[in-house]
């Protein structure tokens, strides 16, 4: 594990509804995803989120999710179909 030093002003901006370590991790992973450095699946694994929860969080942050590969698209639609069946 590595440690990053943040001044209090930056830490206060990052921290909000989540503890600082969780908020910083989410910000880093979401930025990596936005820049296409990690896939949807990798981002989900890094954040410990199910795919649908990741899609919702990315949408809240204004990050487009569906700039993905065909394989990821198929996994996303399968997850959505499963969710819809659970809701019925």
N, C-alpha and C. Protein backbone atom coordinates (compact mmCIF):
# COMPACT_ATOMS: atom_id res chain seq x y z
N UNK A 1 0.85 -1.18 0.00
CA UNK A 1 0.00 0.00 0.00
C UNK A 1 0.89 1.23 0.00
N UNK A 2 0.45 2.25 -0.70
CA UNK A 2 1.19 3.50 -0.76
C UNK A 2 0.37 4.61 -0.11
N UNK A 3 1.05 5.63 0.33
CA UNK A 3 0.40 6.76 0.99
C UNK A 3 0.62 8.01 0.15
N UNK A 4 -0.42 8.81 0.06
CA UNK A 4 -0.35 10.08 -0.66
C UNK A 4 -0.67 11.19 0.33
N UNK A 5 0.14 12.22 0.34
CA UNK A 5 -0.09 13.36 1.23
C UNK A 5 -0.98 14.38 0.52
N UNK A 6 -2.01 14.83 1.21
CA UNK A 6 -2.91 15.85 0.70
C UNK A 6 -2.97 16.98 1.72
N UNK A 7 -2.98 18.20 1.22
CA UNK A 7 -3.15 19.29 2.18
C UNK A 7 -4.61 19.33 2.61
N UNK A 8 -4.89 20.01 3.69
CA UNK A 8 -6.23 20.00 4.27
C UNK A 8 -7.29 20.56 3.32
N UNK A 9 -6.93 21.57 2.53
CA UNK A 9 -7.91 22.15 1.60
C UNK A 9 -8.34 21.14 0.55
N UNK A 10 -7.38 20.45 -0.04
CA UNK A 10 -7.70 19.45 -1.06
C UNK A 10 -8.46 18.28 -0.44
N UNK A 11 -8.05 17.85 0.72
CA UNK A 11 -8.73 16.75 1.39
C UNK A 11 -10.19 17.12 1.67
N UNK A 12 -10.42 18.34 2.08
CA UNK A 12 -11.79 18.79 2.37
C UNK A 12 -12.64 18.81 1.11
N UNK A 13 -12.03 19.15 -0.03
CA UNK A 13 -12.78 19.16 -1.30
C UNK A 13 -13.14 17.75 -1.75
N UNK A 14 -12.25 16.80 -1.52
CA UNK A 14 -12.48 15.42 -1.93
C UNK A 14 -13.48 14.73 -1.02
N UNK A 15 -13.30 14.97 0.27
CA UNK A 15 -14.16 14.33 1.27
C UNK A 15 -15.53 14.99 1.24
N UNK A 16 -16.53 14.20 1.33
CA UNK A 16 -17.89 14.74 1.34
C UNK A 16 -18.79 13.75 2.02
N UNK A 17 -19.52 13.01 1.20
CA UNK A 17 -20.45 12.03 1.74
C UNK A 17 -19.77 10.73 2.14
N UNK A 18 -18.48 10.60 1.83
CA UNK A 18 -17.73 9.38 2.13
C UNK A 18 -16.46 9.75 2.89
N UNK A 19 -15.90 8.78 3.61
CA UNK A 19 -14.60 9.04 4.23
C UNK A 19 -13.56 9.36 3.16
N UNK A 20 -12.55 10.09 3.53
CA UNK A 20 -11.55 10.58 2.59
C UNK A 20 -10.92 9.47 1.76
N UNK A 21 -10.53 8.37 2.39
CA UNK A 21 -9.88 7.30 1.63
C UNK A 21 -10.80 6.71 0.58
N UNK A 22 -12.08 6.52 0.89
CA UNK A 22 -13.04 6.00 -0.09
C UNK A 22 -13.30 7.00 -1.20
N UNK A 23 -13.46 8.27 -0.83
CA UNK A 23 -13.73 9.31 -1.82
C UNK A 23 -12.55 9.48 -2.77
N UNK A 24 -11.34 9.45 -2.23
CA UNK A 24 -10.15 9.60 -3.07
C UNK A 24 -10.00 8.40 -4.00
N UNK A 25 -10.23 7.21 -3.49
CA UNK A 25 -10.14 6.00 -4.32
C UNK A 25 -11.16 6.06 -5.46
N UNK A 26 -12.39 6.45 -5.13
CA UNK A 26 -13.42 6.56 -6.15
C UNK A 26 -13.03 7.60 -7.21
N UNK A 27 -12.54 8.73 -6.77
CA UNK A 27 -12.15 9.79 -7.72
C UNK A 27 -11.04 9.30 -8.65
N UNK A 28 -10.07 8.61 -8.10
CA UNK A 28 -8.98 8.10 -8.93
C UNK A 28 -9.46 7.05 -9.92
N UNK A 29 -10.25 6.11 -9.45
CA UNK A 29 -10.73 5.04 -10.34
C UNK A 29 -11.65 5.62 -11.41
N UNK A 30 -12.54 6.52 -11.03
CA UNK A 30 -13.44 7.11 -12.02
C UNK A 30 -12.66 7.91 -13.07
N UNK A 31 -11.63 8.59 -12.64
CA UNK A 31 -10.81 9.33 -13.61
C UNK A 31 -10.08 8.37 -14.54
N UNK A 32 -9.55 7.30 -14.00
CA UNK A 32 -8.90 6.29 -14.85
C UNK A 32 -9.89 5.70 -15.84
N UNK A 33 -11.10 5.44 -15.38
CA UNK A 33 -12.13 4.91 -16.27
C UNK A 33 -12.49 5.93 -17.36
N UNK A 34 -12.68 7.17 -16.96
CA UNK A 34 -13.04 8.23 -17.91
C UNK A 34 -11.98 8.38 -19.00
N UNK A 35 -10.71 8.19 -18.62
CA UNK A 35 -9.61 8.31 -19.57
C UNK A 35 -9.31 6.99 -20.29
N UNK A 36 -10.16 5.98 -20.06
CA UNK A 36 -10.05 4.67 -20.69
C UNK A 36 -8.77 3.93 -20.32
N UNK A 37 -8.29 4.16 -19.12
CA UNK A 37 -7.11 3.45 -18.61
C UNK A 37 -7.50 2.14 -17.95
N UNK A 38 -8.76 2.04 -17.49
CA UNK A 38 -9.29 0.80 -16.93
C UNK A 38 -10.66 0.54 -17.55
N UNK A 39 -11.00 -0.72 -17.65
CA UNK A 39 -12.30 -1.12 -18.19
C UNK A 39 -13.39 -0.96 -17.13
N UNK A 40 -14.62 -1.12 -17.57
CA UNK A 40 -15.73 -1.11 -16.62
C UNK A 40 -15.55 -2.20 -15.57
N UNK A 41 -15.20 -3.40 -16.04
CA UNK A 41 -15.01 -4.52 -15.13
C UNK A 41 -13.92 -4.27 -14.11
N UNK A 42 -12.80 -3.71 -14.56
CA UNK A 42 -11.69 -3.41 -13.66
C UNK A 42 -12.09 -2.33 -12.66
N UNK A 43 -12.78 -1.29 -13.14
CA UNK A 43 -13.24 -0.23 -12.25
C UNK A 43 -14.19 -0.78 -11.19
N UNK A 44 -15.09 -1.67 -11.60
CA UNK A 44 -16.01 -2.30 -10.64
C UNK A 44 -15.23 -3.07 -9.58
N UNK A 45 -14.23 -3.83 -10.03
CA UNK A 45 -13.43 -4.62 -9.09
C UNK A 45 -12.67 -3.72 -8.13
N UNK A 46 -12.08 -2.65 -8.64
CA UNK A 46 -11.30 -1.74 -7.79
C UNK A 46 -12.17 -1.04 -6.75
N UNK A 47 -13.42 -0.78 -7.12
CA UNK A 47 -14.33 -0.07 -6.20
C UNK A 47 -15.22 -1.01 -5.40
N UNK A 48 -15.19 -2.30 -5.73
CA UNK A 48 -16.04 -3.25 -5.02
C UNK A 48 -17.51 -3.05 -5.31
N UNK A 49 -17.82 -2.66 -6.54
CA UNK A 49 -19.20 -2.39 -6.93
C UNK A 49 -19.69 -3.40 -7.96
N UNK A 50 -20.98 -3.70 -7.92
CA UNK A 50 -21.61 -4.45 -9.00
C UNK A 50 -21.69 -3.52 -10.21
N UNK A 51 -21.76 -4.10 -11.39
CA UNK A 51 -21.74 -3.31 -12.62
C UNK A 51 -22.85 -2.26 -12.65
N UNK A 52 -24.06 -2.63 -12.29
CA UNK A 52 -25.17 -1.68 -12.33
C UNK A 52 -24.95 -0.53 -11.35
N UNK A 53 -24.42 -0.81 -10.18
CA UNK A 53 -24.12 0.25 -9.21
C UNK A 53 -23.04 1.19 -9.75
N UNK A 54 -22.05 0.61 -10.44
CA UNK A 54 -21.01 1.44 -11.05
C UNK A 54 -21.61 2.35 -12.12
N UNK A 55 -22.49 1.81 -12.95
CA UNK A 55 -23.12 2.59 -14.01
C UNK A 55 -23.90 3.76 -13.41
N UNK A 56 -24.63 3.47 -12.35
CA UNK A 56 -25.40 4.54 -11.69
C UNK A 56 -24.48 5.62 -11.11
N UNK A 57 -23.41 5.21 -10.45
CA UNK A 57 -22.48 6.19 -9.85
C UNK A 57 -21.80 7.02 -10.92
N UNK A 58 -21.37 6.37 -11.99
CA UNK A 58 -20.74 7.10 -13.09
C UNK A 58 -21.72 8.12 -13.68
N UNK A 59 -22.98 7.73 -13.82
CA UNK A 59 -23.99 8.66 -14.34
C UNK A 59 -24.16 9.86 -13.41
N UNK A 60 -24.16 9.60 -12.10
CA UNK A 60 -24.26 10.70 -11.13
C UNK A 60 -23.10 11.69 -11.30
N UNK A 61 -21.95 11.16 -11.68
CA UNK A 61 -20.75 12.00 -11.84
C UNK A 61 -20.60 12.55 -13.25
N UNK A 62 -21.55 12.22 -14.14
CA UNK A 62 -21.50 12.72 -15.50
C UNK A 62 -20.44 12.04 -16.37
N UNK A 63 -20.10 10.80 -16.02
CA UNK A 63 -19.08 10.06 -16.77
C UNK A 63 -19.79 9.06 -17.66
N UNK A 64 -19.63 9.18 -18.99
CA UNK A 64 -20.27 8.21 -19.88
C UNK A 64 -19.68 6.82 -19.68
N UNK A 65 -20.56 5.84 -19.63
CA UNK A 65 -20.13 4.48 -19.37
C UNK A 65 -20.05 3.66 -20.66
N UNK A 66 -20.88 3.95 -21.59
CA UNK A 66 -21.00 3.06 -22.75
C UNK A 66 -20.05 3.37 -23.88
N UNK A 67 -18.84 3.74 -23.54
CA UNK A 67 -17.74 3.80 -24.48
C UNK A 67 -16.92 2.53 -24.20
N UNK A 68 -17.55 1.39 -24.43
CA UNK A 68 -16.97 0.12 -24.02
C UNK A 68 -16.83 -0.83 -25.20
N UNK A 69 -16.21 -1.94 -24.95
CA UNK A 69 -16.06 -2.97 -25.96
C UNK A 69 -17.38 -3.72 -26.13
N UNK A 70 -17.46 -4.50 -27.18
CA UNK A 70 -18.66 -5.30 -27.41
C UNK A 70 -18.88 -6.29 -26.27
N UNK A 71 -17.80 -6.88 -25.78
CA UNK A 71 -17.90 -7.84 -24.68
C UNK A 71 -18.44 -7.17 -23.42
N UNK A 72 -17.96 -5.96 -23.12
CA UNK A 72 -18.45 -5.23 -21.94
C UNK A 72 -19.92 -4.84 -22.14
N UNK A 73 -20.29 -4.44 -23.35
CA UNK A 73 -21.68 -4.07 -23.65
C UNK A 73 -22.59 -5.26 -23.38
N UNK A 74 -22.18 -6.45 -23.84
CA UNK A 74 -22.99 -7.65 -23.63
C UNK A 74 -23.13 -7.96 -22.14
N UNK A 75 -22.05 -7.80 -21.38
CA UNK A 75 -22.11 -8.03 -19.94
C UNK A 75 -23.03 -7.01 -19.27
N UNK A 76 -22.96 -5.76 -19.70
CA UNK A 76 -23.81 -4.71 -19.13
C UNK A 76 -25.28 -4.99 -19.42
N UNK A 77 -25.60 -5.35 -20.65
CA UNK A 77 -27.01 -5.60 -20.99
C UNK A 77 -27.52 -6.85 -20.27
N UNK A 78 -26.66 -7.86 -20.09
CA UNK A 78 -27.07 -9.06 -19.34
C UNK A 78 -27.36 -8.70 -17.89
N UNK A 79 -26.53 -7.85 -17.30
CA UNK A 79 -26.75 -7.42 -15.91
C UNK A 79 -28.05 -6.62 -15.81
N UNK A 80 -28.31 -5.77 -16.78
CA UNK A 80 -29.54 -4.98 -16.78
C UNK A 80 -30.76 -5.88 -16.95
N UNK A 81 -30.68 -6.85 -17.85
CA UNK A 81 -31.78 -7.79 -18.03
C UNK A 81 -32.06 -8.57 -16.74
N UNK A 82 -31.01 -9.01 -16.06
CA UNK A 82 -31.17 -9.74 -14.80
C UNK A 82 -31.83 -8.84 -13.75
N UNK A 83 -31.41 -7.59 -13.69
CA UNK A 83 -31.99 -6.64 -12.74
C UNK A 83 -33.47 -6.44 -13.04
N UNK A 84 -33.81 -6.27 -14.32
CA UNK A 84 -35.22 -6.08 -14.69
C UNK A 84 -36.06 -7.28 -14.28
N UNK A 85 -35.53 -8.48 -14.43
CA UNK A 85 -36.26 -9.69 -14.06
C UNK A 85 -36.49 -9.73 -12.54
N UNK A 86 -35.51 -9.26 -11.78
CA UNK A 86 -35.65 -9.21 -10.32
C UNK A 86 -36.73 -8.22 -9.91
N UNK A 87 -36.89 -7.17 -10.69
CA UNK A 87 -37.86 -6.12 -10.36
C UNK A 87 -39.29 -6.53 -10.68
N UNK A 88 -39.45 -7.54 -11.54
CA UNK A 88 -40.79 -7.98 -11.96
C UNK A 88 -41.46 -8.85 -10.94
